[in-house]
Amino acid sequence: MNRTIILAFALLFATASCTSEQIYNAIRDNRIQDCENIPIPQQDHCRSLYETSYEEYARDLEELRAEQQQ
């Protein structure tokens, strides 16, 4: 098999095995880590933008979906 196809299947399998919470946390952690690359005086504010836990995010998302159905 072509290496590209094997890598694509591996990526698909790895992604499928992740939960929504794991994906959310990984993205959030990456964004918080990116805050380290901006000037120090702005880092605390940057990190504060990503303080929302997955539970809070999921609750807010459900509220938005409920509002849209009304």
N, C-alpha and C. Protein backbone atom coordinates (compact mmCIF):
# COMPACT_ATOMS: atom_id res chain seq x y z
N MET A 1 0.83 -1.20 0.00
CA MET A 1 0.00 0.00 0.00
C MET A 1 0.87 1.26 0.00
N ASN A 2 0.32 2.26 -0.56
CA ASN A 2 0.99 3.56 -0.59
C ASN A 2 1.10 4.11 0.83
N ARG A 3 2.24 4.70 1.16
CA ARG A 3 2.44 5.27 2.50
C ARG A 3 1.40 6.33 2.84
N THR A 4 1.01 7.12 1.88
CA THR A 4 0.01 8.17 2.10
C THR A 4 -1.32 7.56 2.53
N ILE A 5 -1.70 6.47 1.91
CA ILE A 5 -2.96 5.81 2.26
C ILE A 5 -2.87 5.23 3.67
N ILE A 6 -1.74 4.63 4.00
CA ILE A 6 -1.55 4.06 5.34
C ILE A 6 -1.63 5.17 6.38
N LEU A 7 -0.95 6.29 6.12
CA LEU A 7 -1.00 7.42 7.06
C LEU A 7 -2.41 7.98 7.19
N ALA A 8 -3.14 8.04 6.09
CA ALA A 8 -4.51 8.54 6.13
C ALA A 8 -5.38 7.64 7.00
N PHE A 9 -5.24 6.32 6.83
CA PHE A 9 -6.01 5.40 7.66
C PHE A 9 -5.62 5.50 9.13
N ALA A 10 -4.34 5.66 9.39
CA ALA A 10 -3.87 5.79 10.77
C ALA A 10 -4.44 7.06 11.41
N LEU A 11 -4.43 8.15 10.65
CA LEU A 11 -4.98 9.40 11.15
C LEU A 11 -6.48 9.28 11.39
N LEU A 12 -7.18 8.67 10.46
CA LEU A 12 -8.62 8.46 10.61
C LEU A 12 -8.92 7.63 11.85
N PHE A 13 -8.18 6.56 12.05
CA PHE A 13 -8.38 5.70 13.21
C PHE A 13 -8.10 6.45 14.50
N ALA A 14 -7.00 7.20 14.53
CA ALA A 14 -6.64 7.95 15.73
C ALA A 14 -7.68 9.01 16.05
N THR A 15 -8.18 9.69 15.04
CA THR A 15 -9.19 10.72 15.25
C THR A 15 -10.50 10.10 15.70
N ALA A 16 -10.87 8.98 15.14
CA ALA A 16 -12.13 8.33 15.50
C ALA A 16 -12.11 7.86 16.94
N SER A 17 -10.95 7.54 17.46
CA SER A 17 -10.88 7.03 18.82
C SER A 17 -10.87 8.15 19.86
N CYS A 18 -10.74 9.39 19.44
CA CYS A 18 -10.76 10.53 20.36
C CYS A 18 -12.20 10.92 20.67
N THR A 19 -12.42 11.32 21.90
CA THR A 19 -13.73 11.82 22.25
C THR A 19 -13.78 13.32 21.96
N SER A 20 -14.96 13.86 21.93
CA SER A 20 -15.12 15.30 21.72
C SER A 20 -14.38 16.08 22.81
N GLU A 21 -14.44 15.57 24.02
CA GLU A 21 -13.77 16.25 25.12
C GLU A 21 -12.26 16.26 24.93
N GLN A 22 -11.69 15.15 24.47
CA GLN A 22 -10.26 15.09 24.24
C GLN A 22 -9.84 16.06 23.13
N ILE A 23 -10.63 16.13 22.09
CA ILE A 23 -10.33 17.05 20.99
C ILE A 23 -10.42 18.49 21.47
N TYR A 24 -11.49 18.81 22.21
CA TYR A 24 -11.67 20.16 22.75
C TYR A 24 -10.46 20.54 23.61
N ASN A 25 -10.09 19.64 24.53
CA ASN A 25 -8.97 19.93 25.43
C ASN A 25 -7.65 20.07 24.69
N ALA A 26 -7.43 19.27 23.68
CA ALA A 26 -6.19 19.36 22.90
C ALA A 26 -6.10 20.71 22.18
N ILE A 27 -7.20 21.13 21.59
CA ILE A 27 -7.22 22.42 20.89
C ILE A 27 -7.01 23.55 21.89
N ARG A 28 -7.71 23.47 23.02
CA ARG A 28 -7.58 24.50 24.05
C ARG A 28 -6.15 24.56 24.56
N ASP A 29 -5.55 23.41 24.82
CA ASP A 29 -4.17 23.38 25.32
C ASP A 29 -3.20 23.98 24.30
N ASN A 30 -3.42 23.69 23.02
CA ASN A 30 -2.56 24.26 21.98
C ASN A 30 -2.69 25.77 21.93
N ARG A 31 -3.90 26.26 22.06
CA ARG A 31 -4.10 27.72 22.03
C ARG A 31 -3.47 28.38 23.25
N ILE A 32 -3.58 27.74 24.41
CA ILE A 32 -2.94 28.28 25.61
C ILE A 32 -1.43 28.29 25.42
N GLN A 33 -0.90 27.24 24.84
CA GLN A 33 0.54 27.18 24.59
C GLN A 33 0.97 28.29 23.62
N ASP A 34 0.13 28.58 22.63
CA ASP A 34 0.42 29.66 21.69
C ASP A 34 0.51 31.01 22.39
N CYS A 35 -0.16 31.16 23.52
CA CYS A 35 -0.11 32.42 24.27
C CYS A 35 1.31 32.72 24.74
N GLU A 36 2.14 31.70 24.85
CA GLU A 36 3.52 31.89 25.28
C GLU A 36 4.35 32.62 24.22
N ASN A 37 3.83 32.71 23.01
CA ASN A 37 4.58 33.32 21.90
C ASN A 37 4.27 34.79 21.70
N ILE A 38 3.45 35.37 22.56
CA ILE A 38 3.13 36.79 22.45
C ILE A 38 3.82 37.53 23.59
N PRO A 39 3.85 38.84 23.54
CA PRO A 39 4.52 39.61 24.60
C PRO A 39 3.97 39.25 25.99
N ILE A 40 4.87 39.18 26.95
CA ILE A 40 4.54 38.76 28.32
C ILE A 40 3.35 39.53 28.91
N PRO A 41 3.28 40.86 28.75
CA PRO A 41 2.14 41.57 29.35
C PRO A 41 0.78 41.11 28.83
N GLN A 42 0.73 40.50 27.66
CA GLN A 42 -0.53 40.07 27.07
C GLN A 42 -0.84 38.59 27.32
N GLN A 43 0.10 37.85 27.87
CA GLN A 43 -0.07 36.41 28.02
C GLN A 43 -1.19 36.02 28.97
N ASP A 44 -1.32 36.69 30.10
CA ASP A 44 -2.40 36.36 31.04
C ASP A 44 -3.77 36.54 30.40
N HIS A 45 -3.93 37.64 29.69
CA HIS A 45 -5.22 37.88 29.02
C HIS A 45 -5.47 36.80 27.98
N CYS A 46 -4.45 36.46 27.21
CA CYS A 46 -4.58 35.43 26.19
C CYS A 46 -5.03 34.11 26.82
N ARG A 47 -4.36 33.68 27.89
CA ARG A 47 -4.73 32.43 28.55
C ARG A 47 -6.14 32.48 29.12
N SER A 48 -6.56 33.65 29.58
CA SER A 48 -7.91 33.77 30.15
C SER A 48 -9.00 33.54 29.11
N LEU A 49 -8.67 33.72 27.84
CA LEU A 49 -9.66 33.50 26.77
C LEU A 49 -10.00 32.03 26.61
N TYR A 50 -9.16 31.15 27.16
CA TYR A 50 -9.34 29.71 26.98
C TYR A 50 -9.56 28.98 28.30
N GLU A 51 -10.15 29.65 29.28
CA GLU A 51 -10.39 29.04 30.59
C GLU A 51 -11.65 28.18 30.64
N THR A 52 -12.46 28.23 29.62
CA THR A 52 -13.72 27.50 29.62
C THR A 52 -13.46 26.00 29.59
N SER A 53 -14.01 25.29 30.58
CA SER A 53 -13.85 23.84 30.62
C SER A 53 -14.75 23.20 29.56
N TYR A 54 -14.49 21.94 29.29
CA TYR A 54 -15.32 21.23 28.32
C TYR A 54 -16.77 21.16 28.81
N GLU A 55 -16.96 20.96 30.09
CA GLU A 55 -18.31 20.88 30.64
C GLU A 55 -19.08 22.19 30.41
N GLU A 56 -18.41 23.32 30.64
CA GLU A 56 -19.05 24.61 30.39
C GLU A 56 -19.35 24.79 28.91
N TYR A 57 -18.40 24.42 28.08
CA TYR A 57 -18.57 24.51 26.62
C TYR A 57 -19.76 23.66 26.17
N ALA A 58 -19.84 22.43 26.64
CA ALA A 58 -20.92 21.52 26.25
C ALA A 58 -22.27 22.06 26.71
N ARG A 59 -22.32 22.59 27.92
CA ARG A 59 -23.57 23.17 28.45
C ARG A 59 -24.00 24.36 27.60
N ASP A 60 -23.07 25.26 27.28
CA ASP A 60 -23.39 26.43 26.46
C ASP A 60 -23.86 26.01 25.06
N LEU A 61 -23.21 24.99 24.51
CA LEU A 61 -23.60 24.49 23.20
C LEU A 61 -25.02 23.93 23.21
N GLU A 62 -25.36 23.18 24.24
CA GLU A 62 -26.72 22.64 24.36
C GLU A 62 -27.75 23.76 24.49
N GLU A 63 -27.42 24.79 25.25
CA GLU A 63 -28.33 25.94 25.39
C GLU A 63 -28.55 26.62 24.05
N LEU A 64 -27.49 26.80 23.28
CA LEU A 64 -27.63 27.42 21.96
C LEU A 64 -28.48 26.56 21.03
N ARG A 65 -28.27 25.26 21.07
CA ARG A 65 -29.07 24.37 20.22
C ARG A 65 -30.54 24.41 20.62
N ALA A 66 -30.82 24.49 21.90
CA ALA A 66 -32.20 24.56 22.38
C ALA A 66 -32.85 25.87 21.93
N GLU A 67 -32.09 26.96 21.99
CA GLU A 67 -32.62 28.25 21.54
C GLU A 67 -32.93 28.23 20.05
N GLN A 68 -32.10 27.58 19.27
CA GLN A 68 -32.29 27.53 17.82
C GLN A 68 -33.53 26.71 17.46
N GLN A 69 -33.89 25.75 18.28
CA GLN A 69 -35.04 24.91 18.00
C GLN A 69 -36.36 25.60 18.31
N GLN A 70 -36.29 26.66 19.07
CA GLN A 70 -37.52 27.37 19.46
C GLN A 70 -38.02 28.26 18.37
